[in-house]
């Protein structure tokens, strides 16, 4: 029933916002907020407002979450965390650990079951 209600509300609103998928894809690929805003034809402030409406938080937070997900996916392949950090766009392993702890409340080793 909840799915039907959500589907009906989305249909009544005119469907999903096409900008949302483009923003998420660009940020997931590691694009900056400024580059993403330019690519989707919005100013940074407009992108921030649109992102808050679409995702519940601004594009920078979305980018951090997507980068963390990318890093955790890579870490699950067995790659060492120092390598994961560099390949995912963190300055180093300590930066990765701080960011994951800020976003998830626990260090990456806990999320990965390595502690």
PDB file of N, CA and C in Angstrom:
ATOM      1  N   UNK A   1       0.830  -1.189   0.000  1.00  0.00           N
ATOM      2  CA  UNK A   1       0.000   0.000   0.000  1.00  0.00           C
ATOM      3  C   UNK A   1       0.876   1.255   0.000  1.00  0.00           C
ATOM      4  N   UNK A   2       1.933   1.231   0.803  1.00  0.00           N
ATOM      5  CA  UNK A   2       2.819   2.393   0.868  1.00  0.00           C
ATOM      6  C   UNK A   2       3.463   2.658  -0.495  1.00  0.00           C
ATOM      7  N   UNK A   3       3.842   1.609  -1.187  1.00  0.00           N
ATOM      8  CA  UNK A   3       4.417   1.765  -2.523  1.00  0.00           C
ATOM      9  C   UNK A   3       3.420   2.414  -3.473  1.00  0.00           C
ATOM     10  N   UNK A   4       2.177   1.979  -3.408  1.00  0.00           N
ATOM     11  CA  UNK A   4       1.143   2.550  -4.278  1.00  0.00           C
ATOM     12  C   UNK A   4       0.933   4.032  -3.972  1.00  0.00           C
ATOM     13  N   UNK A   5       0.892   4.388  -2.705  1.00  0.00           N
ATOM     14  CA  UNK A   5       0.706   5.791  -2.317  1.00  0.00           C
ATOM     15  C   UNK A   5       1.886   6.627  -2.829  1.00  0.00           C
ATOM     16  N   UNK A   6       3.105   6.114  -2.645  1.00  0.00           N
ATOM     17  CA  UNK A   6       4.289   6.846  -3.116  1.00  0.00           C
ATOM     18  C   UNK A   6       4.261   7.000  -4.631  1.00  0.00           C
ATOM     19  N   UNK A   7       3.902   5.946  -5.334  1.00  0.00           N
ATOM     20  CA  UNK A   7       3.832   5.992  -6.802  1.00  0.00           C
ATOM     21  C   UNK A   7       2.781   7.007  -7.253  1.00  0.00           C
ATOM     22  N   UNK A   8       1.631   7.006  -6.602  1.00  0.00           N
ATOM     23  CA  UNK A   8       0.563   7.941  -6.959  1.00  0.00           C
ATOM     24  C   UNK A   8       0.980   9.392  -6.696  1.00  0.00           C
ATOM     25  N   UNK A   9       1.649   9.627  -5.586  1.00  0.00           N
ATOM     26  CA  UNK A   9       2.100  10.989  -5.268  1.00  0.00           C
ATOM     27  C   UNK A   9       3.154  11.456  -6.257  1.00  0.00           C
ATOM     28  N   UNK A  10       4.052  10.552  -6.642  1.00  0.00           N
ATOM     29  CA  UNK A  10       5.073  10.897  -7.619  1.00  0.00           C
ATOM     30  C   UNK A  10       4.433  11.214  -8.966  1.00  0.00           C
ATOM     31  N   UNK A  11       3.487  10.418  -9.370  1.00  0.00           N
ATOM     32  CA  UNK A  11       2.791  10.657 -10.635  1.00  0.00           C
ATOM     33  C   UNK A  11       2.059  11.998 -10.594  1.00  0.00           C
ATOM     34  N   UNK A  12       1.400  12.311  -9.481  1.00  0.00           N
ATOM     35  CA  UNK A  12       0.663  13.571  -9.344  1.00  0.00           C
ATOM     36  C   UNK A  12       1.609  14.779  -9.376  1.00  0.00           C
ATOM     37  N   UNK A  13       2.838  14.569  -8.938  1.00  0.00           N
ATOM     38  CA  UNK A  13       3.822  15.651  -8.931  1.00  0.00           C
ATOM     39  C   UNK A  13       4.505  15.816 -10.285  1.00  0.00           C
ATOM     40  N   UNK A  14       4.167  14.966 -11.241  1.00  0.00           N
ATOM     41  CA  UNK A  14       4.764  15.089 -12.564  1.00  0.00           C
ATOM     42  C   UNK A  14       5.948  14.173 -12.797  1.00  0.00           C
ATOM     43  N   UNK A  15       6.174  13.232 -11.904  1.00  0.00           N
ATOM     44  CA  UNK A  15       7.284  12.289 -12.070  1.00  0.00           C
ATOM     45  C   UNK A  15       8.530  12.729 -11.336  1.00  0.00           C
ATOM     46  N   UNK A  16       9.561  11.910 -11.396  1.00  0.00           N
ATOM     47  CA  UNK A  16      10.801  12.251 -10.685  1.00  0.00           C
ATOM     48  C   UNK A  16      11.488  13.453 -11.327  1.00  0.00           C
ATOM     49  N   UNK A  17      12.189  14.181 -10.520  1.00  0.00           N
ATOM     50  CA  UNK A  17      12.940  15.344 -10.995  1.00  0.00           C
ATOM     51  C   UNK A  17      14.127  14.831 -11.818  1.00  0.00           C
ATOM     52  N   UNK A  18      14.190  15.152 -13.111  1.00  0.00           N
ATOM     53  CA  UNK A  18      15.272  14.621 -13.951  1.00  0.00           C
ATOM     54  C   UNK A  18      16.655  15.118 -13.534  1.00  0.00           C
ATOM     55  N   UNK A  19      16.706  16.222 -12.827  1.00  0.00           N
ATOM     56  CA  UNK A  19      17.990  16.751 -12.386  1.00  0.00           C
ATOM     57  C   UNK A  19      18.592  15.863 -11.298  1.00  0.00           C
ATOM     58  N   UNK A  20      17.756  15.242 -10.491  1.00  0.00           N
ATOM     59  CA  UNK A  20      18.245  14.431  -9.376  1.00  0.00           C
ATOM     60  C   UNK A  20      19.196  13.331  -9.803  1.00  0.00           C
ATOM     61  N   UNK A  21      18.823  12.576 -10.800  1.00  0.00           N
ATOM     62  CA  UNK A  21      19.672  11.474 -11.260  1.00  0.00           C
ATOM     63  C   UNK A  21      20.981  12.005 -11.841  1.00  0.00           C
ATOM     64  N   UNK A  22      20.910  13.111 -12.557  1.00  0.00           N
ATOM     65  CA  UNK A  22      22.132  13.689 -13.138  1.00  0.00           C
ATOM     66  C   UNK A  22      23.070  14.203 -12.051  1.00  0.00           C
ATOM     67  N   UNK A  23      22.499  14.862 -11.046  1.00  0.00           N
ATOM     68  CA  UNK A  23      23.316  15.377  -9.944  1.00  0.00           C
ATOM     69  C   UNK A  23      23.980  14.211  -9.209  1.00  0.00           C
ATOM     70  N   UNK A  24      23.203  13.209  -8.862  1.00  0.00           N
ATOM     71  CA  UNK A  24      23.757  12.066  -8.132  1.00  0.00           C
ATOM     72  C   UNK A  24      24.838  11.366  -8.949  1.00  0.00           C
ATOM     73  N   UNK A  25      24.622  11.197 -10.241  1.00  0.00           N
ATOM     74  CA  UNK A  25      25.611  10.519 -11.092  1.00  0.00           C
ATOM     75  C   UNK A  25      26.906  11.314 -11.167  1.00  0.00           C
ATOM     76  N   UNK A  26      26.801  12.620 -11.349  1.00  0.00           N
ATOM     77  CA  UNK A  26      28.012  13.450 -11.444  1.00  0.00           C
ATOM     78  C   UNK A  26      28.785  13.450 -10.133  1.00  0.00           C
ATOM     79  N   UNK A  27      28.065  13.617  -9.019  1.00  0.00           N
ATOM     80  CA  UNK A  27      28.751  13.629  -7.726  1.00  0.00           C
ATOM     81  C   UNK A  27      29.324  12.256  -7.399  1.00  0.00           C
ATOM     82  N   UNK A  28      28.632  11.201  -7.767  1.00  0.00           N
ATOM     83  CA  UNK A  28      29.139   9.838  -7.534  1.00  0.00           C
ATOM     84  C   UNK A  28      30.420   9.597  -8.325  1.00  0.00           C
ATOM     85  N   UNK A  29      30.533  10.245  -9.479  1.00  0.00           N
ATOM     86  CA  UNK A  29      31.732  10.095 -10.308  1.00  0.00           C
ATOM     87  C   UNK A  29      32.884  10.960  -9.801  1.00  0.00           C
ATOM     88  N   UNK A  30      32.631  11.744  -8.760  1.00  0.00           N
ATOM     89  CA  UNK A  30      33.690  12.551  -8.170  1.00  0.00           C
ATOM     90  C   UNK A  30      33.739  13.991  -8.646  1.00  0.00           C
ATOM     91  N   UNK A  31      32.734  14.436  -9.393  1.00  0.00           N
ATOM     92  CA  UNK A  31      32.702  15.830  -9.862  1.00  0.00           C
ATOM     93  C   UNK A  31      32.524  16.771  -8.677  1.00  0.00           C
ATOM     94  N   UNK A  32      33.040  17.967  -8.806  1.00  0.00           N
ATOM     95  CA  UNK A  32      32.855  18.963  -7.754  1.00  0.00           C
ATOM     96  C   UNK A  32      31.427  19.500  -7.796  1.00  0.00           C
ATOM     97  N   UNK A  33      31.038  20.145  -6.723  1.00  0.00           N
ATOM     98  CA  UNK A  33      29.705  20.756  -6.670  1.00  0.00           C
ATOM     99  C   UNK A  33      29.596  21.838  -7.736  1.00  0.00           C
ATOM    100  N   UNK A  34      30.639  22.650  -7.893  1.00  0.00           N
ATOM    101  CA  UNK A  34      30.601  23.725  -8.894  1.00  0.00           C
ATOM    102  C   UNK A  34      30.464  23.159 -10.302  1.00  0.00           C
ATOM    103  N   UNK A  35      31.223  22.120 -10.609  1.00  0.00           N
ATOM    104  CA  UNK A  35      31.146  21.512 -11.938  1.00  0.00           C
ATOM    105  C   UNK A  35      29.784  20.863 -12.162  1.00  0.00           C
ATOM    106  N   UNK A  36      29.262  20.242 -11.131  1.00  0.00           N
ATOM    107  CA  UNK A  36      27.944  19.606 -11.234  1.00  0.00           C
ATOM    108  C   UNK A  36      26.870  20.651 -11.475  1.00  0.00           C
ATOM    109  N   UNK A  37      26.913  21.739 -10.729  1.00  0.00           N
ATOM    110  CA  UNK A  37      25.937  22.818 -10.908  1.00  0.00           C
ATOM    111  C   UNK A  37      25.983  23.346 -12.333  1.00  0.00           C
ATOM    112  N   UNK A  38      27.186  23.585 -12.839  1.00  0.00           N
ATOM    113  CA  UNK A  38      27.324  24.103 -14.207  1.00  0.00           C
ATOM    114  C   UNK A  38      26.790  23.104 -15.219  1.00  0.00           C
ATOM    115  N   UNK A  39      27.081  21.843 -15.009  1.00  0.00           N
ATOM    116  CA  UNK A  39      26.647  20.831 -15.976  1.00  0.00           C
ATOM    117  C   UNK A  39      25.125  20.687 -16.032  1.00  0.00           C
ATOM    118  N   UNK A  40      24.453  20.834 -14.901  1.00  0.00           N
ATOM    119  CA  UNK A  40      22.995  20.691 -14.904  1.00  0.00           C
ATOM    120  C   UNK A  40      22.286  22.023 -15.122  1.00  0.00           C
ATOM    121  N   UNK A  41      23.076  23.084 -15.326  1.00  0.00           N
ATOM    122  CA  UNK A  41      22.487  24.379 -15.657  1.00  0.00           C
ATOM    123  C   UNK A  41      21.911  25.147 -14.483  1.00  0.00           C
ATOM    124  N   UNK A  42      22.481  24.947 -13.309  1.00  0.00           N
ATOM    125  CA  UNK A  42      22.026  25.657 -12.117  1.00  0.00           C
ATOM    126  C   UNK A  42      23.188  26.381 -11.475  1.00  0.00           C
ATOM    127  N   UNK A  43      22.897  27.432 -10.741  1.00  0.00           N
ATOM    128  CA  UNK A  43      23.911  28.054  -9.900  1.00  0.00           C
ATOM    129  C   UNK A  43      24.114  27.177  -8.678  1.00  0.00           C
ATOM    130  N   UNK A  44      25.194  27.406  -7.969  1.00  0.00           N
ATOM    131  CA  UNK A  44      25.480  26.573  -6.791  1.00  0.00           C
ATOM    132  C   UNK A  44      24.391  26.696  -5.722  1.00  0.00           C
ATOM    133  N   UNK A  45      23.867  27.892  -5.508  1.00  0.00           N
ATOM    134  CA  UNK A  45      22.805  28.058  -4.507  1.00  0.00           C
ATOM    135  C   UNK A  45      21.534  27.342  -4.937  1.00  0.00           C
ATOM    136  N   UNK A  46      21.201  27.438  -6.229  1.00  0.00           N
ATOM    137  CA  UNK A  46      20.012  26.747  -6.738  1.00  0.00           C
ATOM    138  C   UNK A  46      20.202  25.235  -6.649  1.00  0.00           C
ATOM    139  N   UNK A  47      21.409  24.768  -6.936  1.00  0.00           N
ATOM    140  CA  UNK A  47      21.689  23.337  -6.806  1.00  0.00           C
ATOM    141  C   UNK A  47      21.537  22.902  -5.353  1.00  0.00           C
ATOM    142  N   UNK A  48      21.998  23.738  -4.438  1.00  0.00           N
ATOM    143  CA  UNK A  48      21.869  23.409  -3.017  1.00  0.00           C
ATOM    144  C   UNK A  48      20.389  23.278  -2.627  1.00  0.00           C
ATOM    145  N   UNK A  49      19.584  24.243  -3.037  1.00  0.00           N
ATOM    146  CA  UNK A  49      18.152  24.183  -2.708  1.00  0.00           C
ATOM    147  C   UNK A  49      17.503  22.953  -3.334  1.00  0.00           C
ATOM    148  N   UNK A  50      17.822  22.690  -4.583  1.00  0.00           N
ATOM    149  CA  UNK A  50      17.236  21.538  -5.288  1.00  0.00           C
ATOM    150  C   UNK A  50      17.673  20.240  -4.632  1.00  0.00           C
ATOM    151  N   UNK A  51      18.944  20.153  -4.256  1.00  0.00           N
ATOM    152  CA  UNK A  51      19.462  18.945  -3.606  1.00  0.00           C
ATOM    153  C   UNK A  51      18.799  18.704  -2.257  1.00  0.00           C
ATOM    154  N   UNK A  52      18.595  19.772  -1.514  1.00  0.00           N
ATOM    155  CA  UNK A  52      17.921  19.614  -0.215  1.00  0.00           C
ATOM    156  C   UNK A  52      16.514  19.063  -0.411  1.00  0.00           C
ATOM    157  N   UNK A  53      15.839  19.540  -1.432  1.00  0.00           N
ATOM    158  CA  UNK A  53      14.485  19.052  -1.707  1.00  0.00           C
ATOM    159  C   UNK A  53      14.510  17.599  -2.194  1.00  0.00           C
ATOM    160  N   UNK A  54      15.482  17.266  -3.018  1.00  0.00           N
ATOM    161  CA  UNK A  54      15.554  15.922  -3.603  1.00  0.00           C
ATOM    162  C   UNK A  54      16.112  14.867  -2.656  1.00  0.00           C
ATOM    163  N   UNK A  55      17.190  15.219  -1.941  1.00  0.00           N
ATOM    164  CA  UNK A  55      17.931  14.224  -1.164  1.00  0.00           C
ATOM    165  C   UNK A  55      17.849  14.421   0.347  1.00  0.00           C
ATOM    166  N   UNK A  56      17.423  15.610   0.765  1.00  0.00           N
ATOM    167  CA  UNK A  56      17.345  15.880   2.200  1.00  0.00           C
ATOM    168  C   UNK A  56      18.569  16.580   2.748  1.00  0.00           C
ATOM    169  N   UNK A  57      19.558  16.811   1.905  1.00  0.00           N
ATOM    170  CA  UNK A  57      20.764  17.533   2.304  1.00  0.00           C
ATOM    171  C   UNK A  57      21.401  18.119   1.054  1.00  0.00           C
ATOM    172  N   UNK A  58      22.378  18.965   1.260  1.00  0.00           N
ATOM    173  CA  UNK A  58      23.008  19.653   0.149  1.00  0.00           C
ATOM    174  C   UNK A  58      23.914  18.761  -0.683  1.00  0.00           C
ATOM    175  N   UNK A  59      24.380  19.276  -1.816  1.00  0.00           N
ATOM    176  CA  UNK A  59      25.188  18.473  -2.721  1.00  0.00           C
ATOM    177  C   UNK A  59      26.543  18.076  -2.145  1.00  0.00           C
ATOM    178  N   UNK A  60      27.123  18.903  -1.304  1.00  0.00           N
ATOM    179  CA  UNK A  60      28.426  18.552  -0.714  1.00  0.00           C
ATOM    180  C   UNK A  60      28.276  17.342   0.204  1.00  0.00           C
ATOM    181  N   UNK A  61      27.225  17.329   1.000  1.00  0.00           N
ATOM    182  CA  UNK A  61      26.988  16.168   1.868  1.00  0.00           C
ATOM    183  C   UNK A  61      26.699  14.936   1.031  1.00  0.00           C
ATOM    184  N   UNK A  62      25.913  15.091  -0.019  1.00  0.00           N
ATOM    185  CA  UNK A  62      25.652  13.967  -0.918  1.00  0.00           C
ATOM    186  C   UNK A  62      26.957  13.451  -1.508  1.00  0.00           C
ATOM    187  N   UNK A  63      27.837  14.352  -1.935  1.00  0.00           N
ATOM    188  CA  UNK A  63      29.125  13.944  -2.498  1.00  0.00           C
ATOM    189  C   UNK A  63      29.951  13.176  -1.475  1.00  0.00           C
ATOM    190  N   UNK A  64      29.937  13.626  -0.224  1.00  0.00           N
ATOM    191  CA  UNK A  64      30.681  12.919   0.828  1.00  0.00           C
ATOM    192  C   UNK A  64      30.130  11.517   1.047  1.00  0.00           C
ATOM    193  N   UNK A  65      28.811  11.400   1.063  1.00  0.00           N
ATOM    194  CA  UNK A  65      28.179  10.095   1.260  1.00  0.00           C
ATOM    195  C   UNK A  65      28.490   9.160   0.097  1.00  0.00           C
ATOM    196  N   UNK A  66      28.406   9.679  -1.110  1.00  0.00           N
ATOM    197  CA  UNK A  66      28.689   8.854  -2.285  1.00  0.00           C
ATOM    198  C   UNK A  66      30.154   8.431  -2.332  1.00  0.00           C
ATOM    199  N   UNK A  67      31.055   9.327  -1.935  1.00  0.00           N
ATOM    200  CA  UNK A  67      32.474   8.963  -1.886  1.00  0.00           C
ATOM    201  C   UNK A  67      32.705   7.887  -0.839  1.00  0.00           C
ATOM    202  N   UNK A  68      32.034   8.004   0.307  1.00  0.00           N
ATOM    203  CA  UNK A  68      32.171   6.986   1.343  1.00  0.00           C
ATOM    204  C   UNK A  68      31.664   5.640   0.831  1.00  0.00           C
ATOM    205  N   UNK A  69      30.530   5.653   0.153  1.00  0.00           N
ATOM    206  CA  UNK A  69      29.996   4.400  -0.402  1.00  0.00           C
ATOM    207  C   UNK A  69      30.961   3.788  -1.405  1.00  0.00           C
ATOM    208  N   UNK A  70      31.558   4.639  -2.250  1.00  0.00           N
ATOM    209  CA  UNK A  70      32.545   4.168  -3.220  1.00  0.00           C
ATOM    210  C   UNK A  70      33.729   3.513  -2.500  1.00  0.00           C
ATOM    211  N   UNK A  71      34.187   4.165  -1.453  1.00  0.00           N
ATOM    212  CA  UNK A  71      35.323   3.643  -0.689  1.00  0.00           C
ATOM    213  C   UNK A  71      34.975   2.316  -0.021  1.00  0.00           C
ATOM    214  N   UNK A  72      33.802   2.228   0.584  1.00  0.00           N
ATOM    215  CA  UNK A  72      33.415   0.989   1.259  1.00  0.00           C
ATOM    216  C   UNK A  72      33.240  -0.150   0.267  1.00  0.00           C
ATOM    217  N   UNK A  73      32.692   0.152  -0.906  1.00  0.00           N
ATOM    218  CA  UNK A  73      32.562  -0.879  -1.944  1.00  0.00           C
ATOM    219  C   UNK A  73      33.936  -1.402  -2.351  1.00  0.00           C
ATOM    220  N   UNK A  74      34.882  -0.496  -2.515  1.00  0.00           N
ATOM    221  CA  UNK A  74      36.237  -0.898  -2.878  1.00  0.00           C
ATOM    222  C   UNK A  74      36.886  -1.694  -1.746  1.00  0.00           C
ATOM    223  N   UNK A  75      36.688  -1.252  -0.518  1.00  0.00           N
ATOM    224  CA  UNK A  75      37.271  -1.952   0.628  1.00  0.00           C
ATOM    225  C   UNK A  75      36.722  -3.371   0.748  1.00  0.00           C
ATOM    226  N   UNK A  76      35.477  -3.561   0.367  1.00  0.00           N
ATOM    227  CA  UNK A  76      34.878  -4.899   0.437  1.00  0.00           C
ATOM    228  C   UNK A  76      35.509  -5.876  -0.551  1.00  0.00           C
ATOM    229  N   UNK A  77      36.263  -5.371  -1.516  1.00  0.00           N
ATOM    230  CA  UNK A  77      36.972  -6.255  -2.440  1.00  0.00           C
ATOM    231  C   UNK A  77      38.247  -6.794  -1.801  1.00  0.00           C
ATOM    232  N   UNK A  78      38.585  -6.278  -0.617  1.00  0.00           N
ATOM    233  CA  UNK A  78      39.783  -6.723   0.086  1.00  0.00           C
ATOM    234  C   UNK A  78      40.956  -5.773  -0.019  1.00  0.00           C
ATOM    235  N   UNK A  79      40.783  -4.667  -0.713  1.00  0.00           N
ATOM    236  CA  UNK A  79      41.869  -3.692  -0.852  1.00  0.00           C
ATOM    237  C   UNK A  79      42.202  -3.096   0.520  1.00  0.00           C
ATOM    238  N   UNK A  80      43.477  -2.845   0.783  1.00  0.00           N
ATOM    239  CA  UNK A  80      43.864  -2.204   2.042  1.00  0.00           C
ATOM    240  C   UNK A  80      43.275  -0.797   2.139  1.00  0.00           C
ATOM    241  N   UNK A  81      42.959  -0.364   3.351  1.00  0.00           N
ATOM    242  CA  UNK A  81      42.301   0.932   3.529  1.00  0.00           C
ATOM    243  C   UNK A  81      43.137   2.108   3.036  1.00  0.00           C
ATOM    244  N   UNK A  82      44.444   2.026   3.122  1.00  0.00           N
ATOM    245  CA  UNK A  82      45.283   3.118   2.610  1.00  0.00           C
ATOM    246  C   UNK A  82      45.100   3.249   1.094  1.00  0.00           C
ATOM    247  N   UNK A  83      45.058   2.133   0.401  1.00  0.00           N
ATOM    248  CA  UNK A  83      44.830   2.149  -1.041  1.00  0.00           C
ATOM    249  C   UNK A  83      43.414   2.618  -1.362  1.00  0.00           C
ATOM    250  N   UNK A  84      42.455   2.144  -0.593  1.00  0.00           N
ATOM    251  CA  UNK A  84      41.059   2.545  -0.772  1.00  0.00           C
ATOM    252  C   UNK A  84      40.941   4.060  -0.653  1.00  0.00           C
ATOM    253  N   UNK A  85      41.596   4.624   0.347  1.00  0.00           N
ATOM    254  CA  UNK A  85      41.528   6.062   0.576  1.00  0.00           C
ATOM    255  C   UNK A  85      42.018   6.834  -0.645  1.00  0.00           C
ATOM    256  N   UNK A  86      43.170   6.476  -1.136  1.00  0.00           N
ATOM    257  CA  UNK A  86      43.743   7.191  -2.273  1.00  0.00           C
ATOM    258  C   UNK A  86      42.880   7.018  -3.525  1.00  0.00           C
ATOM    259  N   UNK A  87      42.453   5.803  -3.795  1.00  0.00           N
ATOM    260  CA  UNK A  87      41.658   5.538  -4.999  1.00  0.00           C
ATOM    261  C   UNK A  87      40.263   6.164  -4.939  1.00  0.00           C
ATOM    262  N   UNK A  88      39.791   6.462  -3.730  1.00  0.00           N
ATOM    263  CA  UNK A  88      38.451   7.037  -3.570  1.00  0.00           C
ATOM    264  C   UNK A  88      38.459   8.551  -3.446  1.00  0.00           C
ATOM    265  N   UNK A  89      39.638   9.153  -3.434  1.00  0.00           N
ATOM    266  CA  UNK A  89      39.712  10.604  -3.400  1.00  0.00           C
ATOM    267  C   UNK A  89      39.955  11.217  -2.039  1.00  0.00           C
ATOM    268  N   UNK A  90      40.338  10.414  -1.065  1.00  0.00           N
ATOM    269  CA  UNK A  90      40.695  10.940   0.252  1.00  0.00           C
ATOM    270  C   UNK A  90      42.182  11.274   0.251  1.00  0.00           C
ATOM    271  N   UNK A  91      42.588  12.174   1.116  1.00  0.00           N
ATOM    272  CA  UNK A  91      43.998  12.550   1.204  1.00  0.00           C
ATOM    273  C   UNK A  91      44.846  11.380   1.692  1.00  0.00           C
ATOM    274  N   UNK A  92      44.301  10.631   2.644  1.00  0.00           N
ATOM    275  CA  UNK A  92      45.022   9.484   3.199  1.00  0.00           C
ATOM    276  C   UNK A  92      44.041   8.636   4.004  1.00  0.00           C
ATOM    277  N   UNK A  93      44.542   7.570   4.607  1.00  0.00           N
ATOM    278  CA  UNK A  93      43.673   6.666   5.359  1.00  0.00           C
ATOM    279  C   UNK A  93      43.041   7.353   6.563  1.00  0.00           C
ATOM    280  N   UNK A  94      43.784   8.243   7.211  1.00  0.00           N
ATOM    281  CA  UNK A  94      43.225   8.961   8.363  1.00  0.00           C
ATOM    282  C   UNK A  94      42.037   9.826   7.940  1.00  0.00           C
ATOM    283  N   UNK A  95      42.148  10.464   6.784  1.00  0.00           N
ATOM    284  CA  UNK A  95      41.042  11.274   6.263  1.00  0.00           C
ATOM    285  C   UNK A  95      39.822  10.394   6.003  1.00  0.00           C
ATOM    286  N   UNK A  96      40.030   9.244   5.374  1.00  0.00           N
ATOM    287  CA  UNK A  96      38.941   8.287   5.145  1.00  0.00           C
ATOM    288  C   UNK A  96      38.280   7.894   6.461  1.00  0.00           C
ATOM    289  N   UNK A  97      39.084   7.551   7.447  1.00  0.00           N
ATOM    290  CA  UNK A  97      38.556   7.111   8.739  1.00  0.00           C
ATOM    291  C   UNK A  97      37.756   8.218   9.419  1.00  0.00           C
ATOM    292  N   UNK A  98      38.273   9.448   9.402  1.00  0.00           N
ATOM    293  CA  UNK A  98      37.546  10.576  10.007  1.00  0.00           C
ATOM    294  C   UNK A  98      36.209  10.801   9.316  1.00  0.00           C
ATOM    295  N   UNK A  99      36.237  10.789   7.994  1.00  0.00           N
ATOM    296  CA  UNK A  99      35.014  11.050   7.236  1.00  0.00           C
ATOM    297  C   UNK A  99      33.964   9.964   7.479  1.00  0.00           C
ATOM    298  N   UNK A 100      34.368   8.713   7.452  1.00  0.00           N
ATOM    299  CA  UNK A 100      33.420   7.620   7.695  1.00  0.00           C
ATOM    300  C   UNK A 100      32.856   7.729   9.107  1.00  0.00           C
ATOM    301  N   UNK A 101      33.714   8.023  10.061  1.00  0.00           N
ATOM    302  CA  UNK A 101      33.238   8.162  11.446  1.00  0.00           C
ATOM    303  C   UNK A 101      32.243   9.319  11.569  1.00  0.00           C
ATOM    304  N   UNK A 102      32.493  10.441  10.880  1.00  0.00           N
ATOM    305  CA  UNK A 102      31.571  11.573  10.919  1.00  0.00           C
ATOM    306  C   UNK A 102      30.224  11.229  10.292  1.00  0.00           C
ATOM    307  N   UNK A 103      30.253  10.509   9.188  1.00  0.00           N
ATOM    308  CA  UNK A 103      29.014  10.212   8.467  1.00  0.00           C
ATOM    309  C   UNK A 103      28.264   9.007   9.040  1.00  0.00           C
ATOM    310  N   UNK A 104      28.989   7.984   9.448  1.00  0.00           N
ATOM    311  CA  UNK A 104      28.348   6.737   9.875  1.00  0.00           C
ATOM    312  C   UNK A 104      28.371   6.526  11.384  1.00  0.00           C
ATOM    313  N   UNK A 105      29.203   7.294  12.078  1.00  0.00           N
ATOM    314  CA  UNK A 105      29.261   7.153  13.523  1.00  0.00           C
ATOM    315  C   UNK A 105      30.207   6.069  14.011  1.00  0.00           C
ATOM    316  N   UNK A 106      30.795   5.342  13.097  1.00  0.00           N
ATOM    317  CA  UNK A 106      31.753   4.287  13.443  1.00  0.00           C
ATOM    318  C   UNK A 106      32.880   4.296  12.414  1.00  0.00           C
ATOM    319  N   UNK A 107      34.039   3.739  12.766  1.00  0.00           N
ATOM    320  CA  UNK A 107      35.136   3.704  11.796  1.00  0.00           C
ATOM    321  C   UNK A 107      34.857   2.695  10.676  1.00  0.00           C
ATOM    322  N   UNK A 108      35.576   2.832   9.575  1.00  0.00           N
ATOM    323  CA  UNK A 108      35.333   1.925   8.446  1.00  0.00           C
ATOM    324  C   UNK A 108      35.543   0.455   8.799  1.00  0.00           C
ATOM    325  N   UNK A 109      36.482   0.181   9.670  1.00  0.00           N
ATOM    326  CA  UNK A 109      36.723  -1.229  10.031  1.00  0.00           C
ATOM    327  C   UNK A 109      35.482  -1.846  10.662  1.00  0.00           C
ATOM    328  N   UNK A 110      34.717  -1.077  11.412  1.00  0.00           N
ATOM    329  CA  UNK A 110      33.486  -1.584  12.025  1.00  0.00           C
ATOM    330  C   UNK A 110      32.449  -1.863  10.947  1.00  0.00           C
ATOM    331  N   UNK A 111      32.298  -0.940  10.005  1.00  0.00           N
ATOM    332  CA  UNK A 111      31.337  -1.137   8.915  1.00  0.00           C
ATOM    333  C   UNK A 111      31.691  -2.340   8.046  1.00  0.00           C
ATOM    334  N   UNK A 112      32.983  -2.611   7.947  1.00  0.00           N
ATOM    335  CA  UNK A 112      33.457  -3.697   7.098  1.00  0.00           C
ATOM    336  C   UNK A 112      33.575  -5.022   7.843  1.00  0.00           C
ATOM    337  N   UNK A 113      33.343  -4.987   9.166  1.00  0.00           N
ATOM    338  CA  UNK A 113      33.449  -6.208   9.973  1.00  0.00           C
ATOM    339  C   UNK A 113      34.891  -6.648  10.156  1.00  0.00           C
ATOM    340  N   UNK A 114      35.820  -5.703  10.126  1.00  0.00           N
ATOM    341  CA  UNK A 114      37.252  -6.018  10.277  1.00  0.00           C
ATOM    342  C   UNK A 114      37.784  -5.711  11.654  1.00  0.00           C
ATOM    343  N   UNK A 115      36.948  -5.294  12.569  1.00  0.00           N
ATOM    344  CA  UNK A 115      37.492  -4.923  13.900  1.00  0.00           C
ATOM    345  C   UNK A 115      37.417  -6.055  14.872  1.00  0.00           C
TER     346      UNK A 115
END
